[in-house]
C-alpha atoms as a PDB file:
ATOM      1  CA  UNK A   1      46.647  97.993 105.770  1.00  0.00           C
ATOM      2  CA  UNK A   2      49.092 100.756 106.264  1.00  0.00           C
ATOM      3  CA  UNK A   3      49.515 101.802 109.832  1.00  0.00           C
ATOM      4  CA  UNK A   4      52.472 104.148 109.409  1.00  0.00           C
ATOM      5  CA  UNK A   5      52.076 107.861 109.281  1.00  0.00           C
ATOM      6  CA  UNK A   6      53.278 109.646 106.212  1.00  0.00           C
ATOM      7  CA  UNK A   7      54.098 112.938 107.953  1.00  0.00           C
ATOM      8  CA  UNK A   8      56.645 112.350 110.648  1.00  0.00           C
ATOM      9  CA  UNK A   9      57.449 115.320 112.827  1.00  0.00           C
ATOM     10  CA  UNK A  10      61.071 115.728 113.865  1.00  0.00           C
ATOM     11  CA  UNK A  11      61.977 117.488 117.045  1.00  0.00           C
ATOM     12  CA  UNK A  12      64.863 120.015 116.973  1.00  0.00           C
ATOM     13  CA  UNK A  13      66.703 121.950 119.607  1.00  0.00           C
ATOM     14  CA  UNK A  14      67.666 125.423 118.481  1.00  0.00           C
ATOM     15  CA  UNK A  15      71.274 126.151 119.384  1.00  0.00           C
ATOM     16  CA  UNK A  16      71.706 129.442 117.540  1.00  0.00           C
ATOM     17  CA  UNK A  17      71.539 131.542 120.686  1.00  0.00           C
ATOM     18  CA  UNK A  18      73.837 129.122 122.526  1.00  0.00           C
ATOM     19  CA  UNK A  19      76.645 129.899 120.074  1.00  0.00           C
ATOM     20  CA  UNK A  20      76.373 133.611 120.849  1.00  0.00           C
ATOM     21  CA  UNK A  21      76.426 133.019 124.585  1.00  0.00           C
ATOM     22  CA  UNK A  22      79.493 130.777 124.366  1.00  0.00           C
ATOM     23  CA  UNK A  23      81.288 133.337 122.189  1.00  0.00           C
ATOM     24  CA  UNK A  24      80.678 136.128 124.706  1.00  0.00           C
ATOM     25  CA  UNK A  25      81.778 133.920 127.612  1.00  0.00           C
ATOM     26  CA  UNK A  26      84.967 133.035 125.792  1.00  0.00           C
ATOM     27  CA  UNK A  27      85.678 136.722 125.086  1.00  0.00           C
ATOM     28  CA  UNK A  28      85.050 137.617 128.738  1.00  0.00           C
ATOM     29  CA  UNK A  29      87.462 134.979 130.045  1.00  0.00           C
ATOM     30  CA  UNK A  30      90.155 135.900 127.519  1.00  0.00           C
ATOM     31  CA  UNK A  31      90.004 139.567 128.503  1.00  0.00           C
ATOM     32  CA  UNK A  32      89.913 138.727 132.208  1.00  0.00           C
ATOM     33  CA  UNK A  33      92.930 136.418 131.835  1.00  0.00           C
ATOM     34  CA  UNK A  34      95.025 139.106 130.166  1.00  0.00           C
ATOM     35  CA  UNK A  35      94.086 141.719 132.756  1.00  0.00           C
ATOM     36  CA  UNK A  36      95.050 139.556 135.749  1.00  0.00           C
ATOM     37  CA  UNK A  37      98.802 138.931 135.545  1.00  0.00           C
ATOM     38  CA  UNK A  38      99.827 136.352 138.178  1.00  0.00           C
ATOM     39  CA  UNK A  39     103.555 136.933 137.551  1.00  0.00           C
ATOM     40  CA  UNK A  40     103.558 140.378 139.149  1.00  0.00           C
ATOM     41  CA  UNK A  41     104.894 140.389 142.682  1.00  0.00           C
ATOM     42  CA  UNK A  42     105.224 143.665 144.553  1.00  0.00           C
ATOM     43  CA  UNK A  43     108.458 143.818 146.513  1.00  0.00           C
ATOM     44  CA  UNK A  44     110.104 146.437 148.651  1.00  0.00           C
ATOM     45  CA  UNK A  45     113.781 146.188 147.781  1.00  0.00           C
ATOM     46  CA  UNK A  46     116.447 146.759 150.425  1.00  0.00           C
ATOM     47  CA  UNK A  47     118.725 149.797 150.385  1.00  0.00           C
ATOM     48  CA  UNK A  48     122.499 149.633 150.520  1.00  0.00           C
ATOM     49  CA  UNK A  49     124.687 152.340 152.002  1.00  0.00           C
ATOM     50  CA  UNK A  50     127.674 151.491 149.835  1.00  0.00           C
ATOM     51  CA  UNK A  51     127.605 150.262 146.297  1.00  0.00           C
ATOM     52  CA  UNK A  52     130.313 147.747 145.617  1.00  0.00           C
ATOM     53  CA  UNK A  53     130.465 146.087 142.227  1.00  0.00           C
ATOM     54  CA  UNK A  54     132.329 142.923 141.511  1.00  0.00           C
ATOM     55  CA  UNK A  55     134.324 142.923 138.302  1.00  0.00           C
ATOM     56  CA  UNK A  56     133.409 139.960 136.174  1.00  0.00           C
ATOM     57  CA  UNK A  57     136.038 138.323 134.066  1.00  0.00           C
ATOM     58  CA  UNK A  58     135.451 138.992 130.378  1.00  0.00           C
ATOM     59  CA  UNK A  59     137.247 137.111 127.635  1.00  0.00           C
ATOM     60  CA  UNK A  60     137.136 138.419 124.078  1.00  0.00           C
ATOM     61  CA  UNK A  61     136.835 136.029 121.165  1.00  0.00           C
ATOM     62  CA  UNK A  62     137.160 137.580 117.705  1.00  0.00           C
ATOM     63  CA  UNK A  63     136.517 136.045 114.289  1.00  0.00           C
ATOM     64  CA  UNK A  64     137.655 137.791 111.127  1.00  0.00           C
ATOM     65  CA  UNK A  65     136.243 137.488 107.631  1.00  0.00           C
ATOM     66  CA  UNK A  66     139.040 135.049 106.786  1.00  0.00           C
ATOM     67  CA  UNK A  67     137.940 132.780 109.702  1.00  0.00           C
ATOM     68  CA  UNK A  68     140.895 133.610 111.934  1.00  0.00           C
ATOM     69  CA  UNK A  69     139.837 132.914 115.526  1.00  0.00           C
ATOM     70  CA  UNK A  70     141.634 134.831 118.264  1.00  0.00           C
ATOM     71  CA  UNK A  71     141.229 134.749 122.036  1.00  0.00           C
ATOM     72  CA  UNK A  72     142.408 137.938 123.744  1.00  0.00           C
ATOM     73  CA  UNK A  73     144.276 138.875 120.538  1.00  0.00           C
ATOM     74  CA  UNK A  74     146.124 135.551 120.200  1.00  0.00           C
ATOM     75  CA  UNK A  75     145.261 133.536 117.062  1.00  0.00           C
ATOM     76  CA  UNK A  76     143.932 130.039 117.749  1.00  0.00           C
ATOM     77  CA  UNK A  77     143.019 127.376 115.167  1.00  0.00           C
ATOM     78  CA  UNK A  78     139.390 126.223 115.293  1.00  0.00           C
ATOM     79  CA  UNK A  79     140.417 122.670 116.201  1.00  0.00           C
ATOM     80  CA  UNK A  80     142.103 123.917 119.411  1.00  0.00           C
ATOM     81  CA  UNK A  81     139.443 126.511 120.246  1.00  0.00           C
ATOM     82  CA  UNK A  82     137.647 124.395 122.854  1.00  0.00           C
ATOM     83  CA  UNK A  83     140.778 123.678 124.876  1.00  0.00           C
ATOM     84  CA  UNK A  84     142.000 127.280 124.510  1.00  0.00           C
ATOM     85  CA  UNK A  85     138.682 128.616 125.800  1.00  0.00           C
ATOM     86  CA  UNK A  86     138.730 126.163 128.692  1.00  0.00           C
ATOM     87  CA  UNK A  87     142.221 127.270 129.702  1.00  0.00           C
ATOM     88  CA  UNK A  88     141.361 130.983 129.276  1.00  0.00           C
ATOM     89  CA  UNK A  89     138.296 130.652 131.485  1.00  0.00           C
ATOM     90  CA  UNK A  90     139.995 128.450 134.055  1.00  0.00           C
ATOM     91  CA  UNK A  91     137.835 127.618 137.065  1.00  0.00           C
ATOM     92  CA  UNK A  92     136.024 130.968 137.171  1.00  0.00           C
ATOM     93  CA  UNK A  93     132.251 130.557 137.317  1.00  0.00           C
ATOM     94  CA  UNK A  94     131.530 134.188 136.459  1.00  0.00           C
ATOM     95  CA  UNK A  95     133.581 134.308 133.247  1.00  0.00           C
ATOM     96  CA  UNK A  96     131.834 135.668 130.157  1.00  0.00           C
ATOM     97  CA  UNK A  97     133.037 135.295 126.581  1.00  0.00           C
ATOM     98  CA  UNK A  98     132.283 138.236 124.295  1.00  0.00           C
ATOM     99  CA  UNK A  99     132.096 137.135 120.660  1.00  0.00           C
ATOM    100  CA  UNK A 100     133.007 139.722 118.021  1.00  0.00           C
ATOM    101  CA  UNK A 101     132.570 138.428 114.512  1.00  0.00           C
ATOM    102  CA  UNK A 102     132.451 139.901 111.035  1.00  0.00           C
ATOM    103  CA  UNK A 103     128.935 140.596 109.814  1.00  0.00           C
ATOM    104  CA  UNK A 104     129.508 138.777 106.512  1.00  0.00           C
ATOM    105  CA  UNK A 105     130.028 135.400 108.211  1.00  0.00           C
ATOM    106  CA  UNK A 106     127.351 132.735 108.254  1.00  0.00           C
ATOM    107  CA  UNK A 107     125.211 132.168 111.317  1.00  0.00           C
ATOM    108  CA  UNK A 108     126.481 128.583 111.444  1.00  0.00           C
ATOM    109  CA  UNK A 109     129.898 129.858 112.573  1.00  0.00           C
ATOM    110  CA  UNK A 110     128.211 131.553 115.543  1.00  0.00           C
ATOM    111  CA  UNK A 111     126.206 128.409 116.325  1.00  0.00           C
ATOM    112  CA  UNK A 112     129.416 126.351 116.326  1.00  0.00           C
ATOM    113  CA  UNK A 113     130.947 128.740 118.878  1.00  0.00           C
ATOM    114  CA  UNK A 114     127.827 128.666 121.036  1.00  0.00           C
ATOM    115  CA  UNK A 115     127.882 124.863 121.036  1.00  0.00           C
ATOM    116  CA  UNK A 116     131.482 124.943 122.287  1.00  0.00           C
ATOM    117  CA  UNK A 117     130.476 127.392 125.011  1.00  0.00           C
ATOM    118  CA  UNK A 118     127.498 125.244 125.958  1.00  0.00           C
ATOM    119  CA  UNK A 119     129.718 122.178 126.247  1.00  0.00           C
ATOM    120  CA  UNK A 120     132.087 124.106 128.544  1.00  0.00           C
ATOM    121  CA  UNK A 121     129.171 125.754 130.430  1.00  0.00           C
ATOM    122  CA  UNK A 122     130.434 129.262 129.655  1.00  0.00           C
ATOM    123  CA  UNK A 123     128.254 132.353 129.347  1.00  0.00           C
ATOM    124  CA  UNK A 124     128.636 133.726 125.834  1.00  0.00           C
ATOM    125  CA  UNK A 125     127.328 136.968 124.376  1.00  0.00           C
ATOM    126  CA  UNK A 126     127.706 138.521 120.952  1.00  0.00           C
ATOM    127  CA  UNK A 127     128.991 142.068 120.591  1.00  0.00           C
ATOM    128  CA  UNK A 128     127.005 144.271 118.231  1.00  0.00           C
ATOM    129  CA  UNK A 129     127.028 147.905 117.229  1.00  0.00           C
ATOM    130  CA  UNK A 130     124.204 150.396 116.804  1.00  0.00           C
ATOM    131  CA  UNK A 131     122.917 150.805 113.249  1.00  0.00           C
END
């Protein structure tokens, strides 16, 4: 005696329309998130009757193609560059070092200078020219 059915019916849930709904919801939230910028703060800035600017101390550091380092026009060997920069900056917190280097030098030379500046906690910028 065989009591089992030969034709078993399987039940399915159709999710084809659910995919479309989820896609449209995702698109809606992405567009809404880009339209609402939480970083925008409207401020009314104060007015000043006199404009007084403070001169920041700028130190020039130049590197030639032959790897001659000079601080304010005085040649310094690379081994003594950290101590020379520290003495040139002194205890000024607002000192900025402007790096002028030859365009043919490797980027690693710039990274080495930036590491020295980071160790001394000095602001460093690189001088460029318009093309």
